Amino acid sequence: VYLQMNSLKPEDTAVYFCAGGRRLITS
């Protein structure tokens, strides 16, 4: 899975984590 990040801002600075889950409801 990819996350394309454009027009980055200083407030986007963070540690980014990917996560997976099964059978999650929309909410």
PDB file of all heavy atoms in Angstrom:
ATOM      1  N   VAL A   1       0.859  -1.173   0.000  1.00  0.00           N
ATOM      2  CA  VAL A   1       0.000   0.000   0.000  1.00  0.00           C
ATOM      3  C   VAL A   1       0.903   1.233   0.000  1.00  0.00           C
ATOM      4  O   VAL A   1       1.965   1.225   0.636  1.00  0.00           O
ATOM      5  CB  VAL A   1      -0.920   0.010   1.225  1.00  0.00           C
ATOM      6  CG1 VAL A   1      -1.704   1.302   1.320  1.00  0.00           C
ATOM      7  CG2 VAL A   1      -1.871  -1.169   1.168  1.00  0.00           C
ATOM      8  N   TYR A   2       0.457   2.251  -0.704  1.00  0.00           N
ATOM      9  CA  TYR A   2       1.255   3.468  -0.837  1.00  0.00           C
ATOM     10  C   TYR A   2       0.501   4.679  -0.301  1.00  0.00           C
ATOM     11  O   TYR A   2      -0.734   4.709  -0.292  1.00  0.00           O
ATOM     12  CB  TYR A   2       1.597   3.714  -2.305  1.00  0.00           C
ATOM     13  CG  TYR A   2       2.292   2.563  -2.973  1.00  0.00           C
ATOM     14  CD1 TYR A   2       1.573   1.654  -3.745  1.00  0.00           C
ATOM     15  CD2 TYR A   2       3.663   2.382  -2.838  1.00  0.00           C
ATOM     16  CE1 TYR A   2       2.203   0.592  -4.360  1.00  0.00           C
ATOM     17  CE2 TYR A   2       4.300   1.311  -3.444  1.00  0.00           C
ATOM     18  CZ  TYR A   2       3.568   0.426  -4.206  1.00  0.00           C
ATOM     19  OH  TYR A   2       4.192  -0.630  -4.813  1.00  0.00           O
ATOM     20  N   LEU A   3       1.252   5.665   0.113  1.00  0.00           N
ATOM     21  CA  LEU A   3       0.680   6.965   0.448  1.00  0.00           C
ATOM     22  C   LEU A   3       1.499   8.012  -0.307  1.00  0.00           C
ATOM     23  O   LEU A   3       2.654   8.275   0.043  1.00  0.00           O
ATOM     24  CB  LEU A   3       0.726   7.241   1.952  1.00  0.00           C
ATOM     25  CG  LEU A   3       0.063   8.551   2.375  1.00  0.00           C
ATOM     26  CD1 LEU A   3      -1.462   8.473   2.163  1.00  0.00           C
ATOM     27  CD2 LEU A   3       0.360   8.872   3.842  1.00  0.00           C
ATOM     28  N   GLN A   4       0.914   8.546  -1.357  1.00  0.00           N
ATOM     29  CA  GLN A   4       1.556   9.612  -2.106  1.00  0.00           C
ATOM     30  C   GLN A   4       1.222  10.928  -1.439  1.00  0.00           C
ATOM     31  O   GLN A   4       0.051  11.264  -1.282  1.00  0.00           O
ATOM     32  CB  GLN A   4       1.070   9.617  -3.558  1.00  0.00           C
ATOM     33  CG  GLN A   4       1.651  10.730  -4.406  1.00  0.00           C
ATOM     34  CD  GLN A   4       3.142  10.583  -4.628  1.00  0.00           C
ATOM     35  OE1 GLN A   4       3.629   9.493  -4.908  1.00  0.00           O
ATOM     36  NE2 GLN A   4       3.872  11.687  -4.506  1.00  0.00           N
ATOM     37  N   MET A   5       2.244  11.669  -1.061  1.00  0.00           N
ATOM     38  CA  MET A   5       2.053  12.919  -0.334  1.00  0.00           C
ATOM     39  C   MET A   5       2.629  14.060  -1.168  1.00  0.00           C
ATOM     40  O   MET A   5       3.825  14.090  -1.443  1.00  0.00           O
ATOM     41  CB  MET A   5       2.749  12.854   1.029  1.00  0.00           C
ATOM     42  CG  MET A   5       2.325  11.671   1.872  1.00  0.00           C
ATOM     43  SD  MET A   5       3.031  11.676   3.532  1.00  0.00           S
ATOM     44  CE  MET A   5       4.764  11.467   3.147  1.00  0.00           C
ATOM     45  N   ASN A   6       1.756  14.946  -1.579  1.00  0.00           N
ATOM     46  CA  ASN A   6       2.155  16.108  -2.382  1.00  0.00           C
ATOM     47  C   ASN A   6       1.889  17.385  -1.604  1.00  0.00           C
ATOM     48  O   ASN A   6       1.153  17.399  -0.622  1.00  0.00           O
ATOM     49  CB  ASN A   6       1.383  16.128  -3.693  1.00  0.00           C
ATOM     50  CG  ASN A   6       1.646  14.905  -4.553  1.00  0.00           C
ATOM     51  OD1 ASN A   6       2.738  14.335  -4.561  1.00  0.00           O
ATOM     52  ND2 ASN A   6       0.616  14.478  -5.284  1.00  0.00           N
ATOM     53  N   SER A   7       2.496  18.463  -2.068  1.00  0.00           N
ATOM     54  CA  SER A   7       2.302  19.783  -1.450  1.00  0.00           C
ATOM     55  C   SER A   7       2.488  19.702   0.056  1.00  0.00           C
ATOM     56  O   SER A   7       1.669  20.209   0.833  1.00  0.00           O
ATOM     57  CB  SER A   7       0.905  20.318  -1.788  1.00  0.00           C
ATOM     58  OG  SER A   7       0.729  20.416  -3.191  1.00  0.00           O
ATOM     59  N   LEU A   8       3.562  19.077   0.465  1.00  0.00           N
ATOM     60  CA  LEU A   8       3.794  18.858   1.891  1.00  0.00           C
ATOM     61  C   LEU A   8       3.996  20.166   2.633  1.00  0.00           C
ATOM     62  O   LEU A   8       4.558  21.135   2.103  1.00  0.00           O
ATOM     63  CB  LEU A   8       4.996  17.941   2.086  1.00  0.00           C
ATOM     64  CG  LEU A   8       4.699  16.458   1.839  1.00  0.00           C
ATOM     65  CD1 LEU A   8       5.970  15.669   1.589  1.00  0.00           C
ATOM     66  CD2 LEU A   8       3.926  15.872   3.011  1.00  0.00           C
ATOM     67  N   LYS A   9       3.522  20.161   3.875  1.00  0.00           N
ATOM     68  CA  LYS A   9       3.606  21.333   4.743  1.00  0.00           C
ATOM     69  C   LYS A   9       4.399  20.955   6.000  1.00  0.00           C
ATOM     70  O   LYS A   9       4.437  19.781   6.387  1.00  0.00           O
ATOM     71  CB  LYS A   9       2.203  21.777   5.149  1.00  0.00           C
ATOM     72  CG  LYS A   9       1.272  22.062   3.993  1.00  0.00           C
ATOM     73  CD  LYS A   9      -0.128  22.385   4.504  1.00  0.00           C
ATOM     74  CE  LYS A   9      -1.093  22.662   3.363  1.00  0.00           C
ATOM     75  NZ  LYS A   9      -2.458  22.976   3.850  1.00  0.00           N
ATOM     76  N   PRO A  10       4.987  21.930   6.665  1.00  0.00           N
ATOM     77  CA  PRO A  10       5.714  21.614   7.909  1.00  0.00           C
ATOM     78  C   PRO A  10       4.835  20.885   8.927  1.00  0.00           C
ATOM     79  O   PRO A  10       5.351  20.034   9.672  1.00  0.00           O
ATOM     80  CB  PRO A  10       6.137  23.000   8.408  1.00  0.00           C
ATOM     81  CG  PRO A  10       6.283  23.811   7.168  1.00  0.00           C
ATOM     82  CD  PRO A  10       5.186  23.332   6.258  1.00  0.00           C
ATOM     83  N   GLU A  11       3.560  21.178   8.943  1.00  0.00           N
ATOM     84  CA  GLU A  11       2.672  20.510   9.898  1.00  0.00           C
ATOM     85  C   GLU A  11       2.409  19.049   9.555  1.00  0.00           C
ATOM     86  O   GLU A  11       1.772  18.341  10.335  1.00  0.00           O
ATOM     87  CB  GLU A  11       1.341  21.264  10.034  1.00  0.00           C
ATOM     88  CG  GLU A  11       0.660  21.590   8.727  1.00  0.00           C
ATOM     89  CD  GLU A  11       0.954  22.998   8.239  1.00  0.00           C
ATOM     90  OE1 GLU A  11       2.134  23.430   8.318  1.00  0.00           O
ATOM     91  OE2 GLU A  11       0.002  23.667   7.781  1.00  0.00           O
ATOM     92  N   ASP A  12       2.895  18.597   8.420  1.00  0.00           N
ATOM     93  CA  ASP A  12       2.809  17.174   8.088  1.00  0.00           C
ATOM     94  C   ASP A  12       3.939  16.372   8.728  1.00  0.00           C
ATOM     95  O   ASP A  12       3.955  15.136   8.642  1.00  0.00           O
ATOM     96  CB  ASP A  12       2.855  16.968   6.571  1.00  0.00           C
ATOM     97  CG  ASP A  12       1.648  17.542   5.855  1.00  0.00           C
ATOM     98  OD1 ASP A  12       0.521  17.378   6.368  1.00  0.00           O
ATOM     99  OD2 ASP A  12       1.833  18.147   4.780  1.00  0.00           O
ATOM    100  N   THR A  13       4.866  17.057   9.352  1.00  0.00           N
ATOM    101  CA  THR A  13       5.990  16.390   9.997  1.00  0.00           C
ATOM    102  C   THR A  13       5.494  15.470  11.113  1.00  0.00           C
ATOM    103  O   THR A  13       4.762  15.902  12.002  1.00  0.00           O
ATOM    104  CB  THR A  13       6.972  17.418  10.576  1.00  0.00           C
ATOM    105  OG1 THR A  13       7.555  18.164   9.505  1.00  0.00           O
ATOM    106  CG2 THR A  13       8.075  16.738  11.375  1.00  0.00           C
ATOM    107  N   ALA A  14       5.874  14.205  11.025  1.00  0.00           N
ATOM    108  CA  ALA A  14       5.423  13.202  11.998  1.00  0.00           C
ATOM    109  C   ALA A  14       6.058  11.861  11.653  1.00  0.00           C
ATOM    110  O   ALA A  14       6.669  11.708  10.586  1.00  0.00           O
ATOM    111  CB  ALA A  14       3.907  13.066  11.971  1.00  0.00           C
ATOM    112  N   VAL A  15       5.884  10.919  12.541  1.00  0.00           N
ATOM    113  CA  VAL A  15       6.162   9.526  12.217  1.00  0.00           C
ATOM    114  C   VAL A  15       4.881   8.942  11.630  1.00  0.00           C
ATOM    115  O   VAL A  15       3.817   9.062  12.232  1.00  0.00           O
ATOM    116  CB  VAL A  15       6.599   8.729  13.454  1.00  0.00           C
ATOM    117  CG1 VAL A  15       6.803   7.261  13.087  1.00  0.00           C
ATOM    118  CG2 VAL A  15       7.860   9.314  14.051  1.00  0.00           C
ATOM    119  N   TYR A  16       5.016   8.339  10.472  1.00  0.00           N
ATOM    120  CA  TYR A  16       3.872   7.776   9.774  1.00  0.00           C
ATOM    121  C   TYR A  16       3.864   6.262   9.940  1.00  0.00           C
ATOM    122  O   TYR A  16       4.886   5.599   9.736  1.00  0.00           O
ATOM    123  CB  TYR A  16       3.919   8.146   8.301  1.00  0.00           C
ATOM    124  CG  TYR A  16       3.509   9.577   8.042  1.00  0.00           C
ATOM    125  CD1 TYR A  16       4.303  10.642   8.446  1.00  0.00           C
ATOM    126  CD2 TYR A  16       2.299   9.863   7.413  1.00  0.00           C
ATOM    127  CE1 TYR A  16       3.925  11.957   8.231  1.00  0.00           C
ATOM    128  CE2 TYR A  16       1.905  11.177   7.189  1.00  0.00           C
ATOM    129  CZ  TYR A  16       2.725  12.216   7.599  1.00  0.00           C
ATOM    130  OH  TYR A  16       2.336  13.510   7.382  1.00  0.00           O
ATOM    131  N   PHE A  17       2.695   5.744  10.279  1.00  0.00           N
ATOM    132  CA  PHE A  17       2.512   4.323  10.497  1.00  0.00           C
ATOM    133  C   PHE A  17       1.478   3.779   9.529  1.00  0.00           C
ATOM    134  O   PHE A  17       0.455   4.426   9.283  1.00  0.00           O
ATOM    135  CB  PHE A  17       2.012   4.050  11.917  1.00  0.00           C
ATOM    136  CG  PHE A  17       2.924   4.501  13.014  1.00  0.00           C
ATOM    137  CD1 PHE A  17       2.845   5.788  13.510  1.00  0.00           C
ATOM    138  CD2 PHE A  17       3.860   3.628  13.554  1.00  0.00           C
ATOM    139  CE1 PHE A  17       3.689   6.221  14.530  1.00  0.00           C
ATOM    140  CE2 PHE A  17       4.706   4.040  14.574  1.00  0.00           C
ATOM    141  CZ  PHE A  17       4.623   5.338  15.061  1.00  0.00           C
ATOM    142  N   CYS A  18       1.726   2.590   9.025  1.00  0.00           N
ATOM    143  CA  CYS A  18       0.679   1.911   8.272  1.00  0.00           C
ATOM    144  C   CYS A  18       0.046   0.859   9.174  1.00  0.00           C
ATOM    145  O   CYS A  18       0.687   0.347  10.098  1.00  0.00           O
ATOM    146  CB  CYS A  18       1.213   1.283   6.987  1.00  0.00           C
ATOM    147  SG  CYS A  18       2.424  -0.034   7.204  1.00  0.00           S
ATOM    148  N   ALA A  19      -1.199   0.566   8.884  1.00  0.00           N
ATOM    149  CA  ALA A  19      -1.954  -0.355   9.715  1.00  0.00           C
ATOM    150  C   ALA A  19      -2.936  -1.134   8.868  1.00  0.00           C
ATOM    151  O   ALA A  19      -3.400  -0.647   7.833  1.00  0.00           O
ATOM    152  CB  ALA A  19      -2.701   0.412  10.809  1.00  0.00           C
ATOM    153  N   GLY A  20      -3.251  -2.338   9.325  1.00  0.00           N
ATOM    154  CA  GLY A  20      -4.216  -3.172   8.631  1.00  0.00           C
ATOM    155  C   GLY A  20      -5.244  -3.721   9.584  1.00  0.00           C
ATOM    156  O   GLY A  20      -4.945  -3.996  10.750  1.00  0.00           O
ATOM    157  N   GLY A  21      -6.447  -3.866   9.102  1.00  0.00           N
ATOM    158  CA  GLY A  21      -7.504  -4.421   9.932  1.00  0.00           C
ATOM    159  C   GLY A  21      -8.515  -5.133   9.068  1.00  0.00           C
ATOM    160  O   GLY A  21      -8.708  -4.776   7.899  1.00  0.00           O
ATOM    161  N   ARG A  22      -9.145  -6.119   9.647  1.00  0.00           N
ATOM    162  CA  ARG A  22     -10.125  -6.894   8.891  1.00  0.00           C
ATOM    163  C   ARG A  22     -11.519  -6.661   9.458  1.00  0.00           C
ATOM    164  O   ARG A  22     -11.710  -6.528  10.658  1.00  0.00           O
ATOM    165  CB  ARG A  22      -9.787  -8.378   8.949  1.00  0.00           C
ATOM    166  CG  ARG A  22      -8.382  -8.708   8.450  1.00  0.00           C
ATOM    167  CD  ARG A  22      -8.257 -10.165   8.108  1.00  0.00           C
ATOM    168  NE  ARG A  22      -8.921 -10.467   6.853  1.00  0.00           N
ATOM    169  CZ  ARG A  22      -9.132 -11.715   6.420  1.00  0.00           C
ATOM    170  NH1 ARG A  22      -8.770 -12.734   7.164  1.00  0.00           N
ATOM    171  NH2 ARG A  22      -9.722 -11.925   5.272  1.00  0.00           N
ATOM    172  N   ARG A  23     -12.457  -6.578   8.544  1.00  0.00           N
ATOM    173  CA  ARG A  23     -13.884  -6.497   8.890  1.00  0.00           C
ATOM    174  C   ARG A  23     -14.193  -5.273   9.750  1.00  0.00           C
ATOM    175  O   ARG A  23     -15.034  -5.343  10.653  1.00  0.00           O
ATOM    176  CB  ARG A  23     -14.345  -7.783   9.576  1.00  0.00           C
ATOM    177  CG  ARG A  23     -14.091  -9.027   8.724  1.00  0.00           C
ATOM    178  CD  ARG A  23     -14.608 -10.297   9.389  1.00  0.00           C
ATOM    179  NE  ARG A  23     -14.275 -11.480   8.609  1.00  0.00           N
ATOM    180  CZ  ARG A  23     -13.172 -12.185   8.780  1.00  0.00           C
ATOM    181  NH1 ARG A  23     -12.295 -11.829   9.704  1.00  0.00           N
ATOM    182  NH2 ARG A  23     -12.926 -13.246   8.034  1.00  0.00           N
ATOM    183  N   LEU A  24     -13.530  -4.173   9.471  1.00  0.00           N
ATOM    184  CA  LEU A  24     -13.843  -2.942  10.176  1.00  0.00           C
ATOM    185  C   LEU A  24     -15.129  -2.351   9.624  1.00  0.00           C
ATOM    186  O   LEU A  24     -15.357  -2.354   8.412  1.00  0.00           O
ATOM    187  CB  LEU A  24     -12.718  -1.927  10.006  1.00  0.00           C
ATOM    188  CG  LEU A  24     -11.559  -1.980  11.014  1.00  0.00           C
ATOM    189  CD1 LEU A  24     -10.810  -3.302  10.936  1.00  0.00           C
ATOM    190  CD2 LEU A  24     -10.618  -0.813  10.814  1.00  0.00           C
ATOM    191  N   ILE A  25     -15.950  -1.822  10.506  1.00  0.00           N
ATOM    192  CA  ILE A  25     -17.135  -1.140  10.039  1.00  0.00           C
ATOM    193  C   ILE A  25     -16.758   0.295   9.672  1.00  0.00           C
ATOM    194  O   ILE A  25     -15.744   0.826  10.141  1.00  0.00           O
ATOM    195  CB  ILE A  25     -18.263  -1.168  11.095  1.00  0.00           C
ATOM    196  CG1 ILE A  25     -17.802  -0.503  12.395  1.00  0.00           C
ATOM    197  CG2 ILE A  25     -18.697  -2.615  11.355  1.00  0.00           C
ATOM    198  CD1 ILE A  25     -18.909  -0.408  13.444  1.00  0.00           C
ATOM    199  N   THR A  26     -17.585   0.900   8.858  1.00  0.00           N
ATOM    200  CA  THR A  26     -17.256   2.215   8.316  1.00  0.00           C
ATOM    201  C   THR A  26     -16.964   3.227   9.406  1.00  0.00           C
ATOM    202  O   THR A  26     -16.014   4.014   9.310  1.00  0.00           O
ATOM    203  CB  THR A  26     -18.393   2.717   7.413  1.00  0.00           C
ATOM    204  OG1 THR A  26     -18.608   1.761   6.369  1.00  0.00           O
ATOM    205  CG2 THR A  26     -18.037   4.063   6.801  1.00  0.00           C
ATOM    206  N   SER A  27     -17.748   3.215  10.453  1.00  0.00           N
ATOM    207  CA  SER A  27     -17.593   4.213  11.513  1.00  0.00           C
ATOM    208  C   SER A  27     -16.296   4.053  12.294  1.00  0.00           C
ATOM    209  O   SER A  27     -15.904   4.948  13.046  1.00  0.00           O
ATOM    210  CB  SER A  27     -18.780   4.149  12.472  1.00  0.00           C
ATOM    211  OG  SER A  27     -18.861   2.874  13.059  1.00  0.00           O
TER     212      SER A  27
END
